[in-house]
Protein backbone atom coordinates (compact mmCIF):
# COMPACT_ATOMS: atom_id res chain seq x y z
CA MET A 1 -54.13 146.84 84.60
CA SER A 2 -56.47 149.04 85.21
CA GLN A 3 -57.51 152.01 86.66
CA HIS A 4 -60.54 149.78 87.03
CA ARG A 5 -57.96 146.92 87.26
CA ARG A 6 -57.71 143.74 86.91
CA HIS A 7 -57.25 144.50 89.18
CA ARG A 8 -56.46 140.12 89.16
CA ALA A 9 -43.17 123.18 86.49
CA PRO A 10 -41.36 121.29 86.58
CA ALA A 11 -43.08 117.79 86.95
CA ARG A 12 -42.89 116.25 90.30
CA LYS A 13 -40.45 113.81 90.80
CA PRO A 14 -41.48 110.57 92.31
CA ARG A 15 -40.49 110.31 96.09
CA HIS A 16 -39.48 107.25 97.94
CA ARG A 17 -41.59 106.22 100.81
CA GLN A 18 -39.89 105.30 103.92
CA ALA A 19 -40.77 102.30 105.72
CA LEU A 20 -40.78 102.84 109.49
CA ALA A 21 -39.44 100.46 112.03
CA GLY A 22 -41.47 99.52 114.87
CA GLY A 23 -44.70 98.41 113.36
CA ALA A 24 -45.29 101.09 110.65
CA PHE A 25 -47.62 101.06 108.31
CA ALA A 26 -47.30 102.79 104.83
CA VAL A 27 -50.36 104.78 104.36
CA THR A 28 -50.33 107.74 101.85
CA VAL A 29 -52.57 110.93 102.01
CA GLY A 30 -53.46 111.46 98.70
CA LEU A 31 -54.34 114.78 97.31
CA GLY A 32 -54.22 116.43 100.62
CA VAL A 33 -54.38 115.89 104.14
CA GLY A 34 -56.95 113.90 106.21
CA LEU A 35 -58.63 114.63 109.57
CA GLY A 36 -56.01 114.37 112.18
CA VAL A 37 -56.67 111.82 115.02
CA TRP A 38 -53.93 112.29 117.75
CA ALA A 39 -52.44 109.52 119.77
CA SER A 40 -54.67 109.37 123.14
CA GLY A 41 -53.00 110.14 126.50
CA GLY A 42 -53.71 108.12 129.32
CA ASP A 43 -56.40 110.79 130.49
CA GLY A 44 -58.03 110.59 127.34
CA SER A 45 -56.52 113.98 125.97
CA PRO A 46 -54.30 114.21 122.87
CA ALA A 47 -50.98 112.69 123.76
CA GLY A 48 -48.45 115.36 124.13
CA SER A 49 -50.98 118.25 123.71
CA ALA A 50 -49.52 121.71 124.21
CA ARG A 51 -50.96 124.55 125.76
CA ARG A 52 -50.55 127.73 123.64
CA THR A 53 -50.35 131.11 125.04
CA SER A 54 -52.84 133.66 124.37
CA ASP A 55 -50.29 136.74 123.90
CA SER A 56 -47.42 135.25 121.55
CA ASP A 57 -46.73 133.01 118.64
CA SER A 58 -44.74 130.53 120.77
CA VAL A 59 -46.52 127.37 121.91
CA ALA A 60 -45.92 126.64 125.84
CA SER A 61 -44.83 123.03 126.76
CA SER A 62 -46.52 120.34 128.77
CA PRO A 63 -44.67 117.58 130.43
CA ALA A 64 -42.86 115.48 127.76
CA ALA A 65 -44.52 112.72 125.57
CA PRO A 66 -44.55 109.35 127.36
CA SER A 67 -42.54 106.88 125.24
CA ALA A 68 -43.55 104.07 123.89
CA SER A 69 -43.61 100.87 125.71
CA PRO A 70 -44.35 97.30 125.06
CA THR A 71 -47.53 97.42 127.27
CA ARG A 72 -48.93 100.36 125.75
CA SER A 73 -50.72 100.61 122.39
CA TYR A 74 -51.17 103.61 120.14
CA PRO A 75 -53.44 104.14 117.37
CA LEU A 76 -51.99 104.38 113.85
CA SER A 77 -51.26 107.67 113.38
CA LYS A 78 -53.15 110.37 110.88
CA ALA A 79 -51.31 113.04 108.67
CA PRO A 80 -50.75 116.48 110.35
CA GLN A 81 -53.30 119.16 109.64
CA THR A 82 -51.61 121.73 107.91
CA ILE A 83 -52.53 124.34 105.13
CA PRO A 84 -51.36 123.63 102.59
CA ALA A 85 -51.85 120.09 103.14
CA VAL A 86 -49.10 117.66 103.09
CA ARG A 87 -48.94 115.45 99.98
CA SER A 88 -47.92 112.15 101.50
CA HIS A 89 -47.68 110.83 104.98
CA THR A 90 -46.43 107.14 106.04
CA ALA A 91 -48.36 106.46 109.28
CA ALA A 92 -46.83 104.65 112.34
CA ARG A 93 -47.93 103.84 116.09
CA GLY A 94 -46.70 106.12 118.47
CA PRO A 95 -47.00 108.74 120.91
CA GLY A 96 -45.66 111.79 118.34
CA TRP A 97 -43.83 114.57 119.45
CA ARG A 98 -44.70 117.74 120.97
CA PRO A 99 -42.65 120.65 122.52
CA ALA A 100 -41.15 121.06 126.26
CA HIS A 101 -39.06 123.60 127.79
CA GLY A 102 -35.37 122.61 127.70
CA GLU A 103 -35.70 120.73 124.30
CA ARG A 104 -33.43 121.56 121.78
CA VAL A 105 -33.49 122.53 118.06
CA VAL A 106 -30.32 121.59 116.50
CA VAL A 107 -28.92 121.91 113.04
CA SER A 108 -26.39 119.78 111.01
CA ASP A 109 -25.38 122.52 108.85
CA ALA A 110 -24.50 126.26 109.73
CA SER A 111 -26.56 127.46 106.60
CA LEU A 112 -29.84 126.36 108.50
CA ALA A 113 -29.44 128.77 111.70
CA ASP A 114 -32.19 130.94 110.64
CA GLU A 115 -34.63 128.26 110.12
CA GLY A 116 -33.45 126.70 113.85
CA LYS A 117 -33.74 130.05 115.46
CA LEU A 118 -37.07 130.81 113.91
CA ILE A 119 -38.75 127.40 114.84
CA ALA A 120 -37.16 127.34 118.00
CA GLY A 121 -38.50 130.71 119.13
CA GLU A 122 -42.30 129.86 117.80
CA LEU A 123 -42.25 126.56 119.68
CA GLY A 124 -40.34 127.97 122.85
CA LEU A 125 -37.66 125.46 122.82
CA THR A 126 -33.65 126.08 122.74
CA TYR A 127 -31.69 126.71 119.68
CA ALA A 128 -28.52 124.86 120.29
CA GLY A 129 -26.86 125.18 117.10
CA GLU A 130 -24.68 122.81 115.37
CA LYS A 131 -24.58 119.46 117.32
CA ASN A 132 -23.97 116.06 116.51
CA ASP A 133 -25.12 114.41 119.85
CA VAL A 134 -28.80 113.10 119.85
CA ARG A 135 -31.09 113.96 122.98
CA ALA A 136 -34.55 113.42 123.73
CA GLY A 137 -36.95 115.42 122.15
CA ASP A 138 -34.64 116.75 119.66
CA VAL A 139 -35.91 118.86 116.65
CA ARG A 140 -32.97 118.30 114.19
CA LEU A 141 -33.08 120.45 110.90
CA ALA A 142 -30.39 118.45 108.31
CA LEU A 143 -29.53 118.94 104.48
CA SER A 144 -29.98 115.49 102.50
CA GLY A 145 -27.29 116.34 100.22
CA GLY A 146 -29.41 114.68 97.46
CA GLU A 147 -28.21 116.42 93.94
CA GLY A 148 -31.11 117.44 91.85
CA GLY A 149 -33.56 117.14 94.22
CA ASP A 150 -36.70 119.47 94.26
CA PRO A 151 -35.05 122.40 96.36
CA GLU A 152 -38.48 122.90 98.27
CA SER A 153 -39.10 119.37 98.91
CA TYR A 154 -38.58 117.98 102.47
CA THR A 155 -39.02 115.12 104.84
CA MET A 156 -40.24 115.23 108.13
CA THR A 157 -39.67 112.09 110.23
CA VAL A 158 -41.19 111.83 113.87
CA ARG A 159 -40.16 108.63 115.54
CA GLY A 160 -38.70 108.27 119.19
CA GLY A 161 -39.65 111.18 120.62
CA ARG A 162 -37.61 113.22 118.15
CA VAL A 163 -38.28 115.05 115.06
CA VAL A 164 -35.98 115.24 111.84
CA ILE A 165 -36.62 117.57 109.10
CA SER A 166 -34.45 117.30 105.71
CA GLY A 167 -34.27 118.57 102.48
CA PRO A 168 -32.12 119.16 99.42
CA ALA A 169 -31.92 122.86 100.18
CA ASP A 170 -32.69 125.20 103.03
CA ALA A 171 -36.01 126.32 101.58
CA GLY A 172 -37.39 122.81 101.86
CA VAL A 173 -36.31 122.55 105.55
CA PHE A 174 -37.87 125.75 105.67
CA TYR A 175 -41.08 124.40 104.69
CA GLY A 176 -40.66 121.26 106.78
CA THR A 177 -40.48 123.48 109.90
CA ARG A 178 -43.84 125.50 108.80
CA THR A 179 -45.43 122.06 109.02
CA LEU A 180 -44.14 121.16 112.33
CA LYS A 181 -45.16 124.44 113.65
CA GLN A 182 -48.93 123.98 112.19
CA ALA A 183 -49.21 120.38 113.63
CA VAL A 184 -48.41 121.71 116.99
CA ARG A 185 -50.63 124.52 116.62
CA GLY A 186 -53.70 122.68 115.40
CA GLY A 187 -53.24 119.78 117.53
CA GLY A 188 -50.69 119.88 120.31
CA THR A 189 -48.61 117.01 118.72
CA ALA A 190 -46.61 116.35 115.55
CA PRO A 191 -47.91 112.72 114.32
CA GLU A 192 -45.64 109.86 114.49
CA GLY A 193 -44.24 108.93 110.93
CA VAL A 194 -42.73 110.40 107.94
CA VAL A 195 -44.15 113.17 105.81
CA ASN A 196 -42.72 113.31 102.12
CA ASP A 197 -43.72 116.77 100.56
CA ALA A 198 -43.01 119.21 97.79
CA PRO A 199 -44.99 121.96 95.89
CA ALA A 200 -46.82 120.93 92.63
CA LYS A 201 -45.97 124.64 91.39
CA PRO A 202 -42.82 126.50 91.96
CA ARG A 203 -44.21 130.12 92.08
CA ARG A 204 -46.70 130.65 94.59
CA GLY A 205 -47.33 134.42 94.82
CA PHE A 206 -49.27 137.47 96.58
CA MET A 207 -49.43 140.76 94.71
CA LEU A 208 -49.93 144.12 96.66
CA ASP A 209 -50.86 147.66 94.89
CA ILE A 210 -49.09 149.78 97.03
CA ALA A 211 -48.92 152.32 94.31
CA ARG A 212 -52.91 153.48 94.64
CA LYS A 213 -53.14 152.90 98.32
CA PRO A 214 -50.03 153.28 100.75
CA TYR A 215 -49.70 150.25 103.48
CA THR A 216 -47.27 150.69 106.15
CA ALA A 217 -44.11 148.81 106.26
CA GLY A 218 -45.42 146.84 109.49
CA TRP A 219 -48.49 145.82 107.66
CA ILE A 220 -46.55 144.47 104.94
CA GLU A 221 -44.08 142.54 107.00
CA ASP A 222 -46.97 140.94 108.84
CA ARG A 223 -48.24 139.87 105.51
CA ILE A 224 -44.69 138.30 104.82
CA ARG A 225 -45.09 136.21 107.90
CA GLU A 226 -48.39 135.00 107.19
CA LEU A 227 -47.26 133.99 103.50
CA GLY A 228 -44.10 132.17 104.72
CA ASP A 229 -46.28 130.01 107.35
CA LEU A 230 -48.30 129.21 104.04
CA LYS A 231 -45.55 128.18 102.18
CA TYR A 232 -45.74 131.14 99.62
CA ASN A 233 -42.79 132.03 97.94
CA GLU A 234 -43.15 135.39 96.19
CA LEU A 235 -44.54 138.75 97.08
CA GLY A 236 -45.14 141.04 94.14
CA LEU A 237 -45.12 144.95 94.84
CA HIS A 238 -47.00 147.03 92.39
CA PHE A 239 -45.43 150.32 93.44
CA SER A 240 -45.58 152.81 90.58
CA ASP A 241 -49.32 153.74 88.95
CA ASP A 242 -51.04 156.81 87.59
CA GLN A 243 -51.75 157.57 91.42
CA GLY A 244 -48.64 157.25 93.19
CA PHE A 245 -44.81 156.14 93.16
CA ARG A 246 -44.38 154.74 96.53
CA ILE A 247 -40.38 153.79 97.06
CA GLN A 248 -37.78 156.34 97.91
CA SER A 249 -35.89 157.21 94.56
CA ASP A 250 -32.31 158.90 94.50
CA SER A 251 -32.53 159.00 90.43
CA HIS A 252 -35.49 160.69 89.99
CA PRO A 253 -36.97 161.89 93.67
CA GLU A 254 -39.12 164.46 91.81
CA ILE A 255 -41.55 161.43 90.92
CA VAL A 256 -41.95 160.25 94.50
CA SER A 257 -45.18 160.50 96.28
CA LYS A 258 -45.16 161.98 99.67
CA ASP A 259 -46.59 159.03 101.43
CA HIS A 260 -43.75 156.38 100.44
CA LEU A 261 -41.51 153.53 101.86
CA THR A 262 -37.83 154.43 102.54
CA LYS A 263 -34.99 152.28 100.82
CA ALA A 264 -34.30 151.53 104.47
CA GLN A 265 -37.67 150.22 104.85
CA VAL A 266 -37.66 148.16 101.72
CA LYS A 267 -34.67 146.43 102.59
CA GLN A 268 -36.02 145.39 105.94
CA ILE A 269 -38.95 144.33 104.13
CA VAL A 270 -36.93 142.09 101.36
CA GLY A 271 -34.56 140.72 104.30
CA LEU A 272 -37.36 139.57 105.97
CA ALA A 273 -38.78 138.18 102.91
CA ALA A 274 -35.62 136.21 102.07
CA ALA A 275 -35.50 134.76 105.45
CA ARG A 276 -38.91 133.12 104.94
CA HIS A 277 -37.48 132.27 101.28
CA ILE A 278 -39.77 134.61 99.50
CA THR A 279 -38.69 136.37 96.60
CA VAL A 280 -39.88 140.23 96.20
CA VAL A 281 -40.94 140.78 92.66
CA PRO A 282 -40.95 144.85 92.01
CA GLU A 283 -43.25 146.14 89.15
CA ILE A 284 -42.78 149.56 87.64
CA ASP A 285 -45.48 149.46 84.86
CA SER A 286 -44.51 150.71 81.62
CA PRO A 287 -45.37 152.26 79.07
CA GLY A 288 -48.97 152.45 80.43
CA HIS A 289 -50.01 153.52 84.18
CA LEU A 290 -47.01 156.13 84.38
CA GLY A 291 -49.24 158.82 85.65
CA ALA A 292 -46.95 159.62 88.79
CA VAL A 293 -43.89 160.11 86.30
CA ILE A 294 -45.56 162.16 83.80
CA ALA A 295 -46.94 164.44 86.71
CA ALA A 296 -43.31 165.32 87.22
CA HIS A 297 -42.46 165.16 83.77
CA PRO A 298 -45.50 166.45 81.34
CA ASP A 299 -43.44 166.56 78.20
CA LEU A 300 -43.32 162.90 78.31
CA GLN A 301 -47.21 162.56 78.31
CA LEU A 302 -48.63 160.33 75.15
CA ARG A 303 -51.17 162.60 72.92
CA ASP A 304 -53.29 161.86 70.45
CA ALA A 305 -53.76 163.43 66.81
CA ARG A 306 -55.90 166.00 68.40
CA GLY A 307 -53.25 167.01 71.15
CA VAL A 308 -55.64 165.48 73.75
CA ALA A 309 -53.40 163.66 76.47
CA THR A 310 -53.76 159.90 76.71
CA ARG A 311 -54.13 158.89 80.72
CA GLY A 312 -50.97 157.18 82.21
CA ALA A 313 -49.23 156.84 79.14
CA VAL A 314 -45.89 158.12 77.79
CA ASP A 315 -45.02 158.71 74.47
CA ILE A 316 -42.89 155.76 73.47
CA SER A 317 -41.25 157.70 70.50
CA ASN A 318 -39.82 159.97 72.71
CA ASP A 319 -36.63 158.50 73.87
CA ARG A 320 -36.39 160.21 77.14
CA SER A 321 -39.34 158.13 78.03
CA ALA A 322 -37.36 154.93 77.89
CA ALA A 323 -34.20 156.85 79.55
CA ILE A 324 -36.27 157.53 82.62
CA VAL A 325 -37.92 154.09 83.11
CA ASP A 326 -34.47 152.51 82.31
CA ASP A 327 -33.18 154.85 85.11
CA LEU A 328 -35.44 153.40 87.56
CA LEU A 329 -34.85 150.01 86.40
CA GLU A 330 -31.26 150.03 87.03
CA GLU A 331 -31.83 151.88 90.14
CA TYR A 332 -33.96 149.49 91.59
CA ALA A 333 -32.19 146.35 90.61
CA GLY A 334 -29.75 146.97 93.41
CA LEU A 335 -32.89 147.26 96.32
CA PHE A 336 -34.54 143.89 94.94
CA PRO A 337 -31.93 141.34 94.66
CA GLY A 338 -34.49 138.44 93.68
CA ASP A 339 -34.17 137.14 90.44
CA GLN A 340 -37.61 137.89 88.97
CA TRP A 341 -38.77 141.26 87.54
CA HIS A 342 -42.55 142.50 86.41
CA LEU A 343 -42.26 144.62 83.52
CA GLY A 344 -46.17 145.58 83.43
CA GLY A 345 -46.76 146.32 79.93
CA ASP A 346 -50.57 146.05 80.20
CA GLU A 347 -53.34 148.89 79.23
CA TYR A 348 -51.16 151.04 77.02
CA GLN A 349 -53.99 153.15 75.99
CA ALA A 350 -52.50 153.80 72.28
CA LEU A 351 -53.84 150.11 71.63
CA THR A 352 -57.05 150.23 73.29
CA VAL A 353 -58.23 152.28 70.20
CA ARG A 354 -59.63 150.72 66.86
CA ASP A 355 -57.15 152.54 64.83
CA PRO A 356 -53.84 153.06 66.78
CA GLU A 357 -52.10 154.41 63.82
CA ALA A 358 -54.48 157.10 62.71
CA SER A 359 -54.97 158.05 66.57
CA TYR A 360 -51.24 158.37 67.16
CA PRO A 361 -49.53 159.38 63.85
CA GLN A 362 -46.16 160.12 65.81
CA LEU A 363 -46.18 156.47 67.09
CA ALA A 364 -47.20 155.16 63.42
CA ALA A 365 -44.18 157.36 62.07
CA ALA A 366 -41.66 156.10 64.59
CA ALA A 367 -42.85 152.36 64.03
CA ARG A 368 -42.46 152.79 60.10
CA LYS A 369 -38.79 154.36 60.69
CA ALA A 370 -37.78 151.61 62.87
CA TYR A 371 -39.48 148.65 60.81
CA GLY A 372 -40.11 149.85 57.51
CA SER A 373 -43.70 150.65 55.65
CA GLY A 374 -45.48 147.97 57.48
CA GLY A 375 -44.40 148.88 61.19
CA THR A 376 -47.09 149.42 63.66
CA VAL A 377 -47.65 150.90 67.00
CA ALA A 378 -48.05 147.38 68.21
CA ASP A 379 -44.40 146.71 66.86
CA LEU A 380 -43.23 149.78 68.73
CA THR A 381 -44.80 148.93 71.87
CA THR A 382 -43.52 145.18 71.65
CA ALA A 383 -39.95 146.70 71.07
CA TRP A 384 -40.36 149.07 74.27
CA LEU A 385 -41.15 145.83 76.30
CA ASN A 386 -38.35 143.96 74.61
CA ASP A 387 -35.97 146.89 75.52
CA ARG A 388 -37.16 147.09 79.11
CA ALA A 389 -36.60 143.23 79.14
CA ALA A 390 -33.02 143.69 78.12
CA THR A 391 -32.48 146.35 80.96
CA VAL A 392 -33.39 143.76 83.60
CA ARG A 393 -32.11 140.87 81.88
CA ASN A 394 -28.46 142.63 82.23
CA HIS A 395 -28.94 142.15 85.91
CA ASP A 396 -29.92 138.62 85.64
CA ARG A 397 -33.69 138.83 86.07
CA THR A 398 -36.46 137.02 84.46
CA PRO A 399 -38.76 139.31 82.90
CA ARG A 400 -42.65 138.75 82.95
CA ALA A 401 -45.45 140.88 81.72
CA TRP A 402 -49.50 141.01 81.84
CA ASN A 403 -50.96 139.04 79.24
CA ASP A 404 -52.50 142.23 77.23
CA GLY A 405 -48.89 143.50 76.68
CA PHE A 406 -48.58 140.54 74.01
CA PHE A 407 -49.64 141.46 70.88
CA ARG A 408 -51.14 138.85 68.08
CA ASN A 409 -50.50 140.93 65.16
CA ALA A 410 -47.19 142.53 65.53
CA SER A 411 -44.26 141.55 63.43
CA VAL A 412 -42.11 142.14 66.18
CA ARG A 413 -42.02 139.23 68.76
CA PRO A 414 -41.87 139.46 72.43
CA GLY A 415 -38.52 137.80 74.04
CA LYS A 416 -39.00 134.20 74.34
CA ASP A 417 -38.17 134.58 77.98
CA ILE A 418 -40.75 137.03 78.80
CA VAL A 419 -43.26 135.13 81.13
CA VAL A 420 -47.08 135.65 80.57
CA ALA A 421 -48.67 136.79 83.84
CA TYR A 422 -52.11 136.04 82.59
CA TRP A 423 -54.99 137.99 84.19
CA THR A 424 -57.73 138.89 81.78
CA GLY A 425 -59.41 138.33 78.41
CA LYS A 426 -61.03 141.62 78.14
CA GLU A 427 -58.70 143.33 75.81
CA LEU A 428 -59.10 144.15 72.37
CA GLY A 429 -58.08 141.18 70.26
CA ALA A 430 -57.81 138.95 73.33
CA ARG A 431 -56.19 135.52 72.94
CA GLN A 432 -57.05 132.38 75.03
CA PRO A 433 -54.34 131.09 77.43
CA ALA A 434 -53.76 128.06 75.45
CA GLU A 435 -52.54 130.35 72.36
CA TYR A 436 -49.41 131.48 74.73
CA LEU A 437 -48.88 127.74 76.29
CA ALA A 438 -48.96 126.44 72.70
CA ALA A 439 -46.46 128.69 71.57
CA GLY A 440 -44.15 127.19 74.38
CA ARG A 441 -44.72 130.27 76.61
CA GLU A 442 -44.50 130.07 80.49
CA VAL A 443 -47.70 131.41 81.89
CA LEU A 444 -48.37 132.75 85.63
CA ASN A 445 -51.99 132.44 86.71
CA TYR A 446 -53.46 135.89 87.86
CA ASN A 447 -56.97 134.81 86.83
CA ASP A 448 -59.14 138.24 87.76
CA GLU A 449 -62.28 135.97 87.98
CA PHE A 450 -60.78 134.25 91.39
CA LEU A 451 -57.67 135.81 92.44
CA TYR A 452 -58.20 139.60 92.13
CA TYR A 453 -59.40 141.55 95.48
CA VAL A 454 -60.09 144.69 94.20
CA LEU A 455 -60.86 147.66 96.46
CA GLY A 456 -64.35 149.03 96.31
CA GLU A 457 -65.24 146.14 93.73
CA PRO A 458 -65.56 148.50 90.74
CA GLN A 459 -66.42 147.60 87.15
CA ALA A 460 -68.32 144.34 88.36
CA PHE A 461 -65.64 142.95 90.27
CA VAL A 462 -66.44 141.29 93.57
CA TYR A 463 -64.39 140.28 96.36
CA PRO A 464 -63.04 136.54 96.00
CA THR A 465 -64.02 134.09 98.37
CA GLY A 466 -61.91 131.10 99.78
CA GLN A 467 -64.66 128.85 99.23
CA ARG A 468 -64.84 129.54 95.19
CA ILE A 469 -61.13 129.29 95.06
CA TYR A 470 -60.76 125.91 97.07
CA GLU A 471 -63.88 124.52 95.13
CA GLN A 472 -63.48 125.84 91.58
CA TRP A 473 -59.64 127.35 90.85
CA THR A 474 -57.03 125.35 90.00
CA PRO A 475 -53.62 126.93 88.31
CA ARG A 476 -54.93 125.62 84.91
CA VAL A 477 -57.95 127.73 85.32
CA LEU A 478 -56.52 130.85 83.56
CA ARG A 479 -59.06 132.40 82.11
CA GLY A 480 -62.71 132.71 83.34
CA THR A 481 -63.65 129.46 84.89
CA GLN A 482 -62.53 127.09 82.01
CA ALA A 483 -59.34 124.76 82.77
CA VAL A 484 -56.81 124.55 79.89
CA PRO A 485 -56.09 120.81 78.83
CA ALA A 486 -53.69 119.26 81.11
CA ARG A 487 -50.83 118.56 78.83
CA TYR A 488 -50.05 122.57 79.28
CA ASP A 489 -49.62 122.04 82.78
CA SER A 490 -46.10 121.92 83.21
CA ARG A 491 -45.85 125.50 81.39
CA ILE A 492 -48.01 126.89 84.08
CA LEU A 493 -45.40 128.03 86.71
CA GLY A 494 -47.88 128.51 89.52
CA GLY A 495 -50.03 131.78 90.12
CA SER A 496 -50.71 134.80 92.47
CA PHE A 497 -53.55 136.16 94.40
CA ALA A 498 -53.62 140.18 93.76
CA VAL A 499 -55.03 143.01 95.86
CA TRP A 500 -55.48 146.02 94.02
CA SER A 501 -56.18 149.55 95.11
CA ASP A 502 -58.69 150.72 92.80
CA LEU A 503 -60.85 152.85 95.20
CA ALA A 504 -58.18 153.05 98.05
CA GLY A 505 -60.13 154.31 100.82
CA ALA A 506 -62.91 151.29 100.38
CA GLN A 507 -61.14 149.39 103.25
CA THR A 508 -58.42 149.97 105.56
CA GLN A 509 -55.37 147.94 105.57
CA ASP A 510 -56.69 145.57 108.64
CA GLN A 511 -60.01 145.02 106.32
CA VAL A 512 -57.53 144.10 103.72
CA ALA A 513 -55.96 141.68 105.84
CA ALA A 514 -59.30 140.11 107.19
CA GLY A 515 -60.64 139.91 103.58
CA ILE A 516 -58.03 138.17 102.26
CA ARG A 517 -57.28 135.38 104.91
CA LEU A 518 -59.17 132.78 103.68
CA PRO A 519 -58.82 133.50 100.02
CA LEU A 520 -55.22 133.31 100.64
CA ARG A 521 -55.29 130.07 102.65
CA ALA A 522 -57.45 128.57 99.52
CA THR A 523 -54.88 129.90 97.07
CA ALA A 524 -51.85 128.34 98.88
CA GLN A 525 -53.63 124.87 99.00
CA LYS A 526 -54.26 124.89 95.19
CA LEU A 527 -50.72 125.80 94.31
CA TRP A 528 -49.20 123.44 96.51
CA ASP A 529 -51.47 120.74 95.47
CA SER A 530 -54.05 121.45 92.47
CA GLY A 531 -55.94 118.16 93.17
CA GLN A 532 -59.06 117.72 94.77
CA PRO A 533 -58.54 118.38 98.30
CA ALA A 534 -59.29 115.74 101.14
CA LEU A 535 -60.99 118.44 103.41
CA THR A 536 -64.52 119.94 102.78
CA TRP A 537 -64.78 123.51 102.63
CA ALA A 538 -66.40 123.42 106.10
CA GLN A 539 -63.78 121.19 107.38
CA PHE A 540 -60.73 123.47 105.73
CA LYS A 541 -62.31 126.63 107.18
CA ALA A 542 -62.57 125.22 110.56
CA LEU A 543 -58.92 124.05 110.44
CA ALA A 544 -57.79 127.54 109.04
CA ASN A 545 -59.46 129.25 111.98
CA ARG A 546 -57.75 126.66 114.54
CA LEU A 547 -54.45 127.37 113.12
CA GLY A 548 -54.73 131.14 113.11
């Protein structure tokens, strides 16, 4: 959204709590996780505590946890300490589970092989594939076969020295393995009992502006691993802007910047993301922010009535402008197989002036030709958005666009399926988020007050802090600091933390990674469960530091 940018569900179904045999107590952790108290071993140390290696992500083993016996008493378990916090834990008495060399990860369905191999490698276990037998220390991954359940939900049962993680789909099972990994990392032991968990919001994203600042493929892959552990499921890539076009193109190689990602690198990024159940959402922003395209095609530049070029904007009365953008959308549909597409639509400079029709007579003439004497530049621009939406819809993509690409007074209405990516309320004729929600639109939260990490802090932006997000933001806080009414909650699909590279040299990519570490964790918590967290900020920060 700007050169100085923004640069920012389904209702949860009730879950049946499971009663545990052997003296279990039904204890639900409301609105997050309580501080973990691990079962005490004979030497006073946490039962089954594992020793972490210093040079890898895996967890080295200690001797197997002692099995329960009639003569041994265990404290009632506490919920595992994770980010985001688990939403329900049924406590029990028992030693819990910890990894030991020689123990297995087994799966009940071949489709869970990727999840099984990943958690086995992380915990230093043996991946044994599909097995029906039961052994001490097993971690079993299974599909529950439930019809209509939230595919991102899961149950993790720790009982009898074994762990079973099950869910209606492999995404939920994957999230269960993230809970197990964090539980072991944070306390050495996965506590006895049953976790029932699912996200409040179906879209939990991180957006990265690689157009104005190129990031290495390796750095992006590291962020994907981080996002996966935090149960994010979207990575947005804003790869086209005035300053650069950062992915290899075969249809229009002339627009590609020297420093760019190859298609082979992108395929590897997309594949790694898919393995972590993360959809990569591409954005080719139009009809503004196309400076890199205009540099190679100056005849597409929008000019005002005086002949002055308008920064970043293509002339949408010129059919060739639409043709080149559609060429790119068609090309990259094959590179990004996910079901979402970001069309941009923000800050078209022709609509940031008081009288667009007088300032841009060629656009006004095209609007009147298409829509009659009352046709406006806003009508023409909305039709552009609808046409691009149709292009990606033909590839079974759900389109989204920035909120300042939706115009109040246009007679042409945006397609009903175009999701509003709400980031600001600073544009001319700005509308409150509730107006979009009341009209029945689905909305994603990119609130630039809380969720925009803008390099160099231009235009009064300040780097967001994890504490402020954790203590003050929820998905219903779409604009500024005010929440929309609770009745609209189901239409807010989720949100996205965003890094914008306005002043690209202000931070190195390693500084960016460090700067967003706590904000990403706080955002993950509030998208998974938007209620009041059980931990204080100080406790949450300490947990984040312990988990790495």
